[in-house]
Amino acid sequence: MKKIFNGLFIISLALGFTSCKKYLDINDNTNSSTSSTPELVLPQAIVGTASVSQAYNSAYYFPGGFAANIYGVGGYGAGVTYAYTASSFTNLFSSVYDNATDYQYVIDNTTGKPALAYSNAIARIMKAFIFSKLVDQYNDVPYTDALKGSSNLTPKYDKAEDIYKDLVSQLNLSIKLITDGQAVTTTTVVASSTDPLFGSKKEQQMNYWKRFANTIKLRLLIKMAGVPALSSFATTEFAALNLTIGFIDDDALVQPGYVKESGRQNPLYNSLAFASDNTRSQSQAIPTTWIFTFYNGNKISDQGRGYAMYRGFPNTATNRLGEENVGSTVIPPANFTSWFTGTDANTPYIGVAKGPSQGQPIMLAAESRFLQAEAFARGYLTGNAQTAFDEGIKASFKYIYQDQNGAPIPNWEYVSESKAYQVDENPTNRLVNYNLAADLNQKIEAIITQKYIAMNVINCDEAFNEFKRTGYPKIVEGSSDGRLTFASKQSVSTRPDKLIGRILYPQQEFNLNTSNVPAGVTLFGSRIFWDLN
């Protein structure tokens, strides 16, 4: 029905984040089924998910507290006021259905064929992954009636809670399909060259897919467990969760062979560093004063990741979102963006924007560790929360200190520096040292704060989700101090925290699916089902 997204797809918020490319498209007719084979569609769909994930990430640079406007430039509009409309963020909605259509094609053409169980399972896992991202922004969405092409152009909206339940079921089925496939010799192996996510794991490839499914499920169940009506379901699923399979312990990076060519380089690098022609990507955005407090010693001292991530650290220019009464020095570094720390556009380095050929992170090992830490702390699963917490910090340092090829570089040793971060830089800080937390609330605050830091401009949407779910990192509602809140100074939000509750359904849904799109949804008064704060 839709095109395969296999290139750069980055959402514009209001300040030049826009770039949209599609390449390796298989089907040009958006109203007919994909004309190809599962073997061709699946790898390209996975690369499409990487682009969609970056679109979600970049959409929350501003509202999530990670980036702000600069001196001497106006016209940021809703990016600084939060006066979003049904025309804002529309590609977050449509891109998931484009991408999910490809996975559904693979599922439809491999179901009932035991030899193709691996492909079937992978497609189900990835479909669950992207639908969870969609629900986390829109709540109720078309699901059971969706992806049926021209046979149903006005699909009903399913309850978000019901979708989450089915996503868990699909992940359970996926794990079973892989396990059953591993028990026989007739299952067709997914070639490493056609698996851009875990193909590099060789003989452990399908075990990593099971761990990835388990980790997605853990993320879903933790969100569900906090909702009274879903706690029983979550408890049952936690009890049945296969801990022998484990969770991802390495970053989930999509790597199809990104290269420094138009539409083919890594989408995160393209967003935060340079285009393929070396044009600076972010000339109108800098880090927020808020996010810098987790690096410059105001809340936490983090010299290591600060220097690795931010050009000119600790003197990188920052601003509070919506603050226009700033000096002429509140601009990105000359000829560079704030998020690129290499020598020049032709010299890849470390940090977040490493280089044009870096893999695209869709889930970090750090997030996996922090999810486990929360599950252990709350008693959902049995394990050592402090160990998982410490491993989460170490995993974040490891990712930030790697180059675009995933290799360490001299003088950036993540094990010792992550330890020094806790023991030497922040020895009395309970946000850094789990053992200093006095009660469960403080433990969760430490876990979510560290997760937020680890996801900084990598998975901003999920970091903001977790802030809404837990209230961490803590802000001071209504504060005029950009160190105490990331709410825009120009916010028109009616909420006490001056932030958004959720985004609106696209105008196209009101135009074409009028009878089904939920009514009464507002930016500031409506919430996602797991947001009980």
Protein backbone atom coordinates (compact mmCIF):
# COMPACT_ATOMS: atom_id res chain seq x y z
CA MET A 1 0.00 0.00 0.00
CA LYS A 2 2.73 2.46 0.92
CA LYS A 3 6.34 3.09 0.08
CA ILE A 4 9.31 1.57 1.80
CA PHE A 5 11.16 4.23 3.80
CA ASN A 6 14.83 3.45 3.35
CA GLY A 7 16.42 6.83 3.65
CA LEU A 8 16.48 10.01 5.59
CA PHE A 9 13.19 11.09 7.11
CA ILE A 10 13.42 13.82 9.69
CA ILE A 11 10.49 15.83 10.95
CA SER A 12 10.65 19.60 11.04
CA LEU A 13 9.56 21.12 14.28
CA ALA A 14 9.73 24.75 13.32
CA LEU A 15 13.34 25.57 12.74
CA GLY A 16 14.95 23.82 9.86
CA PHE A 17 14.98 20.26 11.12
CA THR A 18 13.37 19.25 7.82
CA SER A 19 14.82 16.79 5.40
CA CYS A 20 12.95 14.02 3.68
CA LYS A 21 14.39 11.44 1.34
CA LYS A 22 13.21 8.07 0.12
CA TYR A 23 15.38 5.66 -1.76
CA LEU A 24 15.23 1.99 -2.64
CA ASP A 25 11.45 2.34 -2.94
CA ILE A 26 9.82 -0.88 -4.06
CA ASN A 27 6.29 0.22 -4.72
CA ASP A 28 5.22 3.57 -6.15
CA ASN A 29 1.47 3.04 -5.89
CA THR A 30 0.42 4.10 -2.40
CA ASN A 31 -3.01 2.46 -2.80
CA SER A 32 -1.87 -1.03 -3.75
CA SER A 33 0.03 -3.79 -2.04
CA THR A 34 3.80 -3.80 -2.15
CA SER A 35 5.00 -5.60 -5.28
CA SER A 36 8.03 -7.50 -4.10
CA THR A 37 9.02 -10.40 -1.87
CA PRO A 38 9.38 -10.66 1.92
CA GLU A 39 13.13 -11.17 1.51
CA LEU A 40 13.44 -7.77 -0.15
CA VAL A 41 10.85 -5.87 1.86
CA LEU A 42 11.97 -6.83 5.38
CA PRO A 43 15.50 -5.35 5.43
CA GLN A 44 14.34 -2.14 3.83
CA ALA A 45 11.46 -1.89 6.29
CA ILE A 46 13.95 -2.15 9.16
CA VAL A 47 15.97 0.71 7.68
CA GLY A 48 12.70 2.58 7.32
CA THR A 49 12.07 2.13 11.04
CA ALA A 50 15.45 3.72 11.74
CA SER A 51 14.37 6.79 9.81
CA VAL A 52 10.98 6.87 11.52
CA SER A 53 12.68 6.56 14.91
CA GLN A 54 14.88 9.55 14.12
CA ALA A 55 11.79 11.49 13.04
CA TYR A 56 10.27 10.85 16.47
CA ASN A 57 13.55 11.75 18.15
CA SER A 58 13.98 15.07 16.34
CA ALA A 59 10.33 16.01 16.82
CA TYR A 60 11.00 16.19 20.56
CA TYR A 61 14.28 18.13 20.54
CA PHE A 62 12.28 21.22 21.60
CA PRO A 63 9.26 19.97 23.59
CA GLY A 64 11.37 17.34 25.38
CA GLY A 65 13.83 19.85 26.81
CA PHE A 66 16.92 19.11 24.72
CA ALA A 67 17.28 22.01 22.26
CA ALA A 68 16.29 25.66 22.11
CA ASN A 69 16.14 28.65 19.79
CA ILE A 70 19.11 30.95 19.23
CA TYR A 71 19.85 34.66 19.32
CA GLY A 72 18.76 36.91 16.46
CA VAL A 73 16.29 34.55 14.79
CA GLY A 74 12.51 34.64 14.98
CA GLY A 75 9.70 32.71 13.39
CA TYR A 76 9.94 29.64 15.58
CA GLY A 77 6.16 29.74 15.98
CA ALA A 78 4.63 26.73 17.67
CA GLY A 79 8.10 25.39 18.34
CA VAL A 80 8.39 27.85 21.22
CA THR A 81 4.72 28.51 22.08
CA TYR A 82 3.46 24.90 21.95
CA ALA A 83 0.43 26.15 20.00
CA TYR A 84 0.52 23.03 17.89
CA THR A 85 -2.35 22.25 15.53
CA ALA A 86 -3.65 19.24 13.64
CA SER A 87 -1.10 20.16 10.98
CA SER A 88 1.83 19.72 13.38
CA PHE A 89 3.82 16.46 13.56
CA THR A 90 1.59 14.85 10.90
CA ASN A 91 4.38 12.66 9.54
CA LEU A 92 4.78 10.98 12.92
CA PHE A 93 1.36 9.45 12.30
CA SER A 94 1.59 8.64 8.60
CA SER A 95 5.16 7.35 8.63
CA VAL A 96 4.33 4.58 11.10
CA TYR A 97 1.51 3.31 8.88
CA ASP A 98 3.76 3.49 5.81
CA ASN A 99 6.38 1.47 7.65
CA ALA A 100 3.93 -0.92 9.30
CA THR A 101 2.39 -1.73 5.91
CA ASP A 102 5.71 -3.21 4.86
CA TYR A 103 5.91 -5.36 7.99
CA GLN A 104 2.32 -6.46 7.48
CA TYR A 105 3.21 -7.52 3.95
CA VAL A 106 6.00 -9.71 5.32
CA ILE A 107 3.71 -11.16 7.99
CA ASP A 108 0.95 -11.92 5.49
CA ASN A 109 3.36 -13.64 3.12
CA THR A 110 5.21 -15.72 5.70
CA THR A 111 2.48 -16.77 8.14
CA GLY A 112 1.84 -20.50 8.01
CA LYS A 113 5.22 -21.16 6.42
CA PRO A 114 7.45 -22.70 9.12
CA ALA A 115 10.56 -22.30 7.02
CA LEU A 116 10.03 -18.53 7.08
CA ALA A 117 9.36 -18.30 10.82
CA TYR A 118 12.32 -16.01 11.45
CA SER A 119 11.19 -13.43 8.92
CA ASN A 120 7.66 -13.62 10.28
CA ALA A 121 8.86 -13.10 13.85
CA ILE A 122 11.15 -10.20 12.97
CA ALA A 123 8.32 -8.42 11.15
CA ARG A 124 6.02 -8.87 14.15
CA ILE A 125 8.66 -7.53 16.54
CA MET A 126 9.33 -4.46 14.43
CA LYS A 127 5.64 -3.81 13.87
CA ALA A 128 5.12 -3.94 17.64
CA PHE A 129 8.04 -1.58 18.13
CA ILE A 130 6.75 1.13 15.80
CA PHE A 131 3.11 0.83 16.89
CA SER A 132 4.21 1.30 20.49
CA LYS A 133 5.87 4.56 19.44
CA LEU A 134 2.68 5.64 17.70
CA VAL A 135 0.46 4.87 20.71
CA ASP A 136 2.87 6.68 23.02
CA GLN A 137 2.17 9.90 21.10
CA TYR A 138 -1.45 9.53 19.97
CA ASN A 139 -3.05 7.10 22.45
CA ASP A 140 -6.02 5.51 20.61
CA VAL A 141 -5.16 4.81 16.95
CA PRO A 142 -6.34 2.54 14.12
CA TYR A 143 -4.87 -0.91 14.70
CA THR A 144 -7.05 -3.97 14.10
CA ASP A 145 -8.69 -2.41 11.03
CA ALA A 146 -5.52 -0.74 9.80
CA LEU A 147 -3.09 -1.88 7.09
CA LYS A 148 -5.84 -3.38 4.95
CA GLY A 149 -5.28 -1.16 1.92
CA SER A 150 -8.25 -0.11 -0.16
CA SER A 151 -10.50 -2.69 1.52
CA ASN A 152 -10.87 -0.40 4.53
CA LEU A 153 -10.09 3.28 4.08
CA THR A 154 -11.83 4.36 7.29
CA PRO A 155 -10.45 2.07 10.01
CA LYS A 156 -11.86 2.25 13.51
CA TYR A 157 -9.71 3.49 16.37
CA ASP A 158 -8.67 0.92 18.98
CA LYS A 159 -8.16 1.75 22.63
CA ALA A 160 -4.51 2.33 23.44
CA GLU A 161 -4.66 -0.14 26.31
CA ASP A 162 -5.98 -2.88 24.03
CA ILE A 163 -3.27 -2.19 21.47
CA TYR A 164 -0.61 -2.49 24.14
CA LYS A 165 -2.03 -5.84 25.22
CA ASP A 166 -1.93 -7.14 21.67
CA LEU A 167 1.61 -5.85 21.15
CA VAL A 168 2.67 -7.91 24.16
CA SER A 169 0.91 -10.94 22.64
CA GLN A 170 2.65 -10.37 19.30
CA LEU A 171 6.01 -10.18 21.03
CA ASN A 172 5.28 -13.41 22.91
CA LEU A 173 4.35 -15.08 19.63
CA SER A 174 7.51 -13.77 17.97
CA ILE A 175 9.72 -15.23 20.67
CA LYS A 176 7.95 -18.58 20.34
CA LEU A 177 8.30 -18.56 16.56
CA ILE A 178 12.03 -18.00 16.83
CA THR A 179 12.49 -20.58 19.58
CA ASP A 180 10.52 -23.17 17.62
CA GLY A 181 12.50 -22.33 14.50
CA GLN A 182 15.77 -22.80 16.34
CA ALA A 183 14.69 -26.31 17.35
CA VAL A 184 14.60 -27.58 13.76
CA THR A 185 16.98 -27.48 10.82
CA THR A 186 14.44 -26.52 8.17
CA THR A 187 14.03 -22.87 9.18
CA THR A 188 15.42 -20.47 6.60
CA VAL A 189 18.22 -18.40 8.08
CA VAL A 190 17.92 -14.64 7.60
CA ALA A 191 21.21 -13.77 5.94
CA SER A 192 23.39 -11.35 7.88
CA SER A 193 23.55 -9.09 4.85
CA THR A 194 19.75 -8.75 4.86
CA ASP A 195 19.39 -8.06 8.59
CA PRO A 196 20.57 -4.47 9.18
CA LEU A 197 19.77 -4.64 12.90
CA PHE A 198 21.24 -7.86 14.29
CA GLY A 199 22.83 -9.50 11.27
CA SER A 200 26.28 -8.63 12.59
CA LYS A 201 25.68 -10.91 15.60
CA LYS A 202 26.21 -13.94 13.33
CA GLU A 203 25.28 -17.17 15.15
CA GLN A 204 23.65 -15.15 17.97
CA GLN A 205 21.48 -13.20 15.53
CA MET A 206 18.11 -14.72 16.41
CA ASN A 207 18.90 -14.77 20.13
CA TYR A 208 19.39 -11.01 19.89
CA TRP A 209 16.03 -10.70 18.19
CA LYS A 210 14.44 -12.55 21.11
CA ARG A 211 16.21 -10.28 23.58
CA PHE A 212 15.05 -7.23 21.65
CA ALA A 213 11.45 -8.51 21.76
CA ASN A 214 11.82 -9.14 25.49
CA THR A 215 13.14 -5.62 26.04
CA ILE A 216 10.33 -3.98 24.08
CA LYS A 217 7.90 -6.05 26.13
CA LEU A 218 9.58 -4.91 29.34
CA ARG A 219 9.14 -1.29 28.28
CA LEU A 220 5.44 -1.88 27.57
CA LEU A 221 4.77 -3.79 30.78
CA ILE A 222 6.40 -1.18 33.00
CA LYS A 223 4.14 1.48 31.51
CA MET A 224 1.10 -0.76 31.91
CA ALA A 225 1.93 -1.78 35.48
CA GLY A 226 1.39 1.76 36.74
CA VAL A 227 -2.17 1.86 35.42
CA PRO A 228 -4.57 0.29 37.96
CA ALA A 229 -6.82 -1.25 35.31
CA LEU A 230 -3.83 -2.93 33.65
CA SER A 231 -1.75 -3.93 36.68
CA SER A 232 -3.19 -7.45 36.80
CA PHE A 233 -2.38 -8.03 33.13
CA ALA A 234 1.14 -6.70 33.66
CA THR A 235 1.67 -8.84 36.77
CA THR A 236 0.70 -11.98 34.86
CA GLU A 237 3.01 -11.12 31.98
CA PHE A 238 5.89 -10.27 34.29
CA ALA A 239 5.51 -13.67 35.94
CA ALA A 240 5.64 -15.36 32.54
CA LEU A 241 8.54 -13.30 31.21
CA ASN A 242 11.44 -15.51 30.16
CA LEU A 243 14.47 -14.17 32.00
CA THR A 244 16.67 -16.87 30.49
CA ILE A 245 16.33 -15.14 27.14
CA GLY A 246 17.40 -11.92 28.79
CA PHE A 247 17.33 -8.39 27.43
CA ILE A 248 19.53 -6.52 24.99
CA ASP A 249 22.98 -5.81 26.42
CA ASP A 250 24.26 -4.03 23.34
CA ASP A 251 22.87 -1.01 21.52
CA ALA A 252 20.24 -1.84 18.89
CA LEU A 253 21.74 -0.03 15.89
CA VAL A 254 20.34 -0.20 12.38
CA GLN A 255 23.26 -0.28 9.95
CA PRO A 256 22.42 -0.84 6.28
CA GLY A 257 25.73 0.65 5.19
CA TYR A 258 25.13 4.36 5.67
CA VAL A 259 27.47 6.43 3.51
CA LYS A 260 28.17 10.11 3.01
CA GLU A 261 25.82 10.57 0.08
CA SER A 262 22.61 12.51 -0.30
CA GLY A 263 19.74 10.61 1.31
CA ARG A 264 21.98 7.73 2.35
CA GLN A 265 23.93 8.93 5.37
CA ASN A 266 22.90 8.29 8.94
CA PRO A 267 19.73 10.27 9.74
CA LEU A 268 20.78 11.32 13.24
CA TYR A 269 24.12 12.64 12.00
CA ASN A 270 22.32 14.36 9.16
CA SER A 271 20.06 16.06 11.70
CA LEU A 272 22.66 17.12 14.26
CA ALA A 273 25.89 17.60 12.30
CA PHE A 274 26.18 17.99 8.53
CA ALA A 275 24.40 17.15 5.31
CA SER A 276 26.28 15.06 2.78
CA ASP A 277 27.62 18.24 1.11
CA ASN A 278 29.04 19.41 4.48
CA THR A 279 26.31 22.00 4.98
CA ARG A 280 25.78 22.58 8.70
CA SER A 281 22.53 20.94 9.81
CA GLN A 282 21.67 22.89 12.95
CA SER A 283 22.25 26.59 12.43
CA GLN A 284 19.22 27.70 14.45
CA ALA A 285 19.28 25.47 17.52
CA ILE A 286 21.50 25.03 20.57
CA PRO A 287 21.25 22.94 23.76
CA THR A 288 18.91 24.09 26.49
CA THR A 289 20.14 25.59 29.72
CA TRP A 290 18.08 22.84 31.38
CA ILE A 291 19.84 19.89 29.77
CA PHE A 292 23.25 21.41 30.49
CA THR A 293 22.56 21.27 34.25
CA PHE A 294 23.08 17.50 34.00
CA TYR A 295 26.62 18.05 32.71
CA ASN A 296 28.01 21.35 34.05
CA GLY A 297 27.73 20.67 37.77
CA ASN A 298 24.49 22.54 38.45
CA LYS A 299 22.63 19.29 39.12
CA ILE A 300 25.25 16.76 38.04
CA SER A 301 28.87 17.02 36.94
CA ASP A 302 29.57 15.01 33.78
CA GLN A 303 32.77 16.24 32.21
CA GLY A 304 33.31 13.09 30.15
CA ARG A 305 30.07 12.90 28.23
CA GLY A 306 29.86 16.69 28.17
CA TYR A 307 33.13 17.05 26.25
CA ALA A 308 32.27 14.09 24.01
CA MET A 309 28.82 15.40 23.05
CA TYR A 310 28.98 19.19 23.01
CA ARG A 311 31.30 21.36 20.98
CA GLY A 312 33.12 23.85 23.18
CA PHE A 313 32.00 22.24 26.43
CA PRO A 314 31.70 23.54 29.12
CA ASN A 315 31.35 26.91 27.38
CA THR A 316 28.84 25.76 24.78
CA ALA A 317 26.14 28.38 24.24
CA THR A 318 22.78 27.40 25.73
CA ASN A 319 19.36 28.98 26.01
CA ARG A 320 15.97 28.47 27.57
CA LEU A 321 13.40 27.59 24.93
CA GLY A 322 11.42 30.68 23.99
CA GLU A 323 13.92 33.13 25.48
CA GLU A 324 14.59 35.82 22.88
CA ASN A 325 16.21 38.43 25.12
CA VAL A 326 19.67 36.91 24.82
CA GLY A 327 23.09 38.08 23.72
CA SER A 328 24.69 37.71 20.32
CA THR A 329 26.92 34.90 21.60
CA VAL A 330 23.93 32.58 22.09
CA ILE A 331 24.43 30.89 18.74
CA PRO A 332 25.95 27.62 17.49
CA PRO A 333 29.74 27.40 17.11
CA ALA A 334 30.99 29.00 13.89
CA ASN A 335 30.67 26.56 10.97
CA PHE A 336 29.62 23.74 13.30
CA THR A 337 26.63 22.56 15.27
CA SER A 338 26.62 22.29 19.05
CA TRP A 339 26.40 18.49 18.82
CA PHE A 340 29.43 17.71 16.63
CA THR A 341 32.84 17.50 18.31
CA GLY A 342 35.06 16.36 15.44
CA THR A 343 37.80 18.46 13.87
CA ASP A 344 35.82 19.21 10.71
CA ALA A 345 32.96 17.87 8.61
CA ASN A 346 35.25 15.29 7.03
CA THR A 347 36.64 13.98 10.32
CA PRO A 348 34.21 11.74 12.27
CA TYR A 349 34.61 11.55 16.02
CA ILE A 350 32.61 10.40 19.05
CA GLY A 351 29.58 11.67 20.98
CA VAL A 352 26.08 11.58 19.54
CA ALA A 353 26.72 12.94 16.04
CA LYS A 354 29.71 10.70 15.37
CA GLY A 355 29.89 10.51 11.60
CA PRO A 356 27.80 9.94 8.45
CA SER A 357 28.31 6.17 8.57
CA GLN A 358 27.32 5.55 12.19
CA GLY A 359 24.56 3.07 12.97
CA GLN A 360 21.15 4.49 13.84
CA PRO A 361 20.16 3.74 17.46
CA ILE A 362 16.56 2.64 17.88
CA MET A 363 17.06 1.35 21.43
CA LEU A 364 20.10 1.79 23.63
CA ALA A 365 21.60 -0.84 25.90
CA ALA A 366 21.47 1.88 28.55
CA GLU A 367 17.68 2.02 28.27
CA SER A 368 17.51 -1.75 28.61
CA ARG A 369 19.53 -1.59 31.82
CA PHE A 370 17.45 1.23 33.28
CA LEU A 371 14.23 -0.61 32.43
CA GLN A 372 15.57 -3.61 34.30
CA ALA A 373 16.60 -1.40 37.21
CA GLU A 374 13.07 -0.03 37.51
CA ALA A 375 11.51 -3.49 37.23
CA PHE A 376 13.81 -4.77 39.98
CA ALA A 377 13.26 -1.73 42.19
CA ARG A 378 9.48 -1.99 41.97
CA GLY A 379 9.50 -5.75 42.49
CA TYR A 380 8.10 -6.57 39.06
CA LEU A 381 11.08 -8.85 38.44
CA THR A 382 13.75 -10.35 40.67
CA GLY A 383 17.19 -8.85 40.31
CA ASN A 384 19.70 -6.32 41.57
CA ALA A 385 18.48 -2.79 40.80
CA GLN A 386 21.74 -1.10 41.74
CA THR A 387 23.78 -3.35 39.47
CA ALA A 388 21.41 -2.69 36.56
CA PHE A 389 21.53 1.04 37.30
CA ASP A 390 25.33 1.12 37.32
CA GLU A 391 25.44 -0.94 34.13
CA GLY A 392 23.04 1.55 32.53
CA ILE A 393 25.40 4.43 33.23
CA LYS A 394 28.34 2.40 31.93
CA ALA A 395 26.43 1.48 28.77
CA SER A 396 25.68 5.14 28.10
CA PHE A 397 29.35 6.09 28.42
CA LYS A 398 30.26 3.19 26.15
CA TYR A 399 27.94 4.38 23.39
CA ILE A 400 28.95 8.04 23.64
CA TYR A 401 32.67 7.16 23.62
CA GLN A 402 32.47 4.97 20.49
CA ASP A 403 33.28 6.26 17.01
CA GLN A 404 31.00 5.87 14.00
CA ASN A 405 32.22 2.30 13.50
CA GLY A 406 31.39 1.31 17.07
CA ALA A 407 35.04 1.22 18.07
CA PRO A 408 36.72 2.88 21.07
CA ILE A 409 39.29 5.60 20.47
CA PRO A 410 42.42 6.43 22.50
CA ASN A 411 41.97 8.33 25.77
CA TRP A 412 38.23 7.70 25.96
CA GLU A 413 37.90 4.71 28.29
CA TYR A 414 34.27 4.23 29.22
CA VAL A 415 34.63 1.77 32.12
CA SER A 416 36.96 3.88 34.25
CA GLU A 417 35.27 7.15 33.32
CA SER A 418 31.78 5.93 34.12
CA LYS A 419 33.10 4.82 37.50
CA ALA A 420 34.82 8.17 38.06
CA TYR A 421 31.54 9.89 37.17
CA GLN A 422 29.93 8.20 40.16
CA VAL A 423 32.79 7.98 42.65
CA ASP A 424 34.89 11.07 41.95
CA GLU A 425 32.69 13.67 40.25
CA ASN A 426 29.42 13.03 42.09
CA PRO A 427 30.18 11.03 45.25
CA THR A 428 27.28 12.47 47.27
CA ASN A 429 24.75 12.87 44.46
CA ARG A 430 21.82 10.47 44.78
CA LEU A 431 20.88 11.02 41.12
CA VAL A 432 24.18 9.37 40.20
CA ASN A 433 24.68 6.90 43.04
CA TYR A 434 21.72 4.58 43.48
CA ASN A 435 22.79 3.48 46.96
CA LEU A 436 22.20 7.02 48.25
CA ALA A 437 18.49 6.94 47.40
CA ALA A 438 16.51 6.83 50.64
CA ASP A 439 13.24 5.38 49.35
CA LEU A 440 11.54 3.99 46.25
CA ASN A 441 10.63 7.43 44.91
CA GLN A 442 14.24 8.54 45.06
CA LYS A 443 15.37 5.30 43.43
CA ILE A 444 12.95 5.79 40.54
CA GLU A 445 14.02 9.42 40.27
CA ALA A 446 17.65 8.36 39.90
CA ILE A 447 16.81 5.68 37.33
CA ILE A 448 14.63 7.91 35.13
CA THR A 449 16.98 10.89 35.41
CA GLN A 450 19.88 8.77 34.20
CA LYS A 451 17.73 7.34 31.43
CA TYR A 452 16.79 10.87 30.35
CA ILE A 453 20.48 11.81 30.22
CA ALA A 454 21.34 8.66 28.24
CA MET A 455 18.62 9.43 25.68
CA ASN A 456 19.64 13.06 25.17
CA VAL A 457 19.11 13.83 21.44
CA ILE A 458 19.13 10.08 20.75
CA ASN A 459 15.60 9.02 21.76
CA CYS A 460 14.04 12.31 22.85
CA ASP A 461 10.49 11.05 22.37
CA GLU A 462 10.95 8.18 24.81
CA ALA A 463 12.77 10.42 27.29
CA PHE A 464 9.78 12.80 27.23
CA ASN A 465 7.40 9.84 27.55
CA GLU A 466 9.19 8.77 30.70
CA PHE A 467 9.13 12.29 32.09
CA LYS A 468 5.35 12.38 31.61
CA ARG A 469 4.91 8.92 33.11
CA THR A 470 7.05 9.46 36.20
CA GLY A 471 7.54 13.20 36.65
CA TYR A 472 11.32 12.76 36.47
CA PRO A 473 13.67 14.50 36.04
CA LYS A 474 12.01 16.92 38.43
CA ILE A 475 11.11 20.40 37.25
CA VAL A 476 9.87 23.41 39.19
CA GLU A 477 6.49 24.22 37.69
CA GLY A 478 6.09 27.82 36.60
CA SER A 479 9.72 28.71 37.28
CA SER A 480 11.31 31.57 35.35
CA ASP A 481 14.70 29.89 35.70
CA GLY A 482 15.70 27.80 32.69
CA ARG A 483 17.82 25.59 34.91
CA LEU A 484 14.74 24.47 36.84
CA THR A 485 12.31 23.74 34.01
CA PHE A 486 12.45 23.00 30.30
CA ALA A 487 9.05 24.55 29.59
CA SER A 488 9.26 27.30 27.01
CA LYS A 489 9.23 30.89 28.23
CA GLN A 490 6.58 31.56 25.58
CA SER A 491 4.44 28.54 26.41
CA VAL A 492 0.68 28.98 26.01
CA SER A 493 0.03 25.72 27.86
CA THR A 494 -2.73 25.80 30.46
CA ARG A 495 -1.08 23.03 32.48
CA PRO A 496 0.73 23.87 35.73
CA ASP A 497 3.98 22.59 34.22
CA LYS A 498 3.39 24.68 31.05
CA LEU A 499 4.16 21.65 28.84
CA ILE A 500 2.08 19.67 26.38
CA GLY A 501 0.04 16.64 27.38
CA ARG A 502 0.09 15.05 23.94
CA ILE A 503 -0.01 15.96 20.26
CA LEU A 504 -3.12 16.18 18.09
CA TYR A 505 -4.41 13.79 15.47
CA PRO A 506 -3.46 14.84 11.92
CA GLN A 507 -5.93 16.96 10.00
CA GLN A 508 -6.05 14.28 7.32
CA GLU A 509 -7.73 11.95 9.80
CA PHE A 510 -10.47 14.51 10.43
CA ASN A 511 -10.87 14.95 6.68
CA LEU A 512 -10.88 11.30 5.62
CA ASN A 513 -11.82 9.28 8.71
CA THR A 514 -14.21 11.72 10.35
CA SER A 515 -16.59 9.25 11.94
CA ASN A 516 -13.83 7.32 13.71
CA VAL A 517 -11.21 9.82 14.89
CA PRO A 518 -11.70 10.51 18.62
CA ALA A 519 -13.26 13.86 19.44
CA GLY A 520 -12.37 16.23 22.23
CA VAL A 521 -8.62 15.62 22.26
CA THR A 522 -6.64 18.68 23.34
CA LEU A 523 -2.96 19.54 23.55
CA PHE A 524 -2.94 20.39 27.21
CA GLY A 525 -5.93 18.59 28.69
CA SER A 526 -5.53 15.12 27.17
CA ARG A 527 -2.98 12.48 28.13
CA ILE A 528 -1.64 9.12 27.03
CA PHE A 529 -3.18 6.26 29.03
CA TRP A 530 -0.02 5.60 31.08
CA ASP A 531 0.37 9.28 32.04
CA LEU A 532 -1.25 9.47 35.47
CA ASN A 533 0.68 12.50 36.76
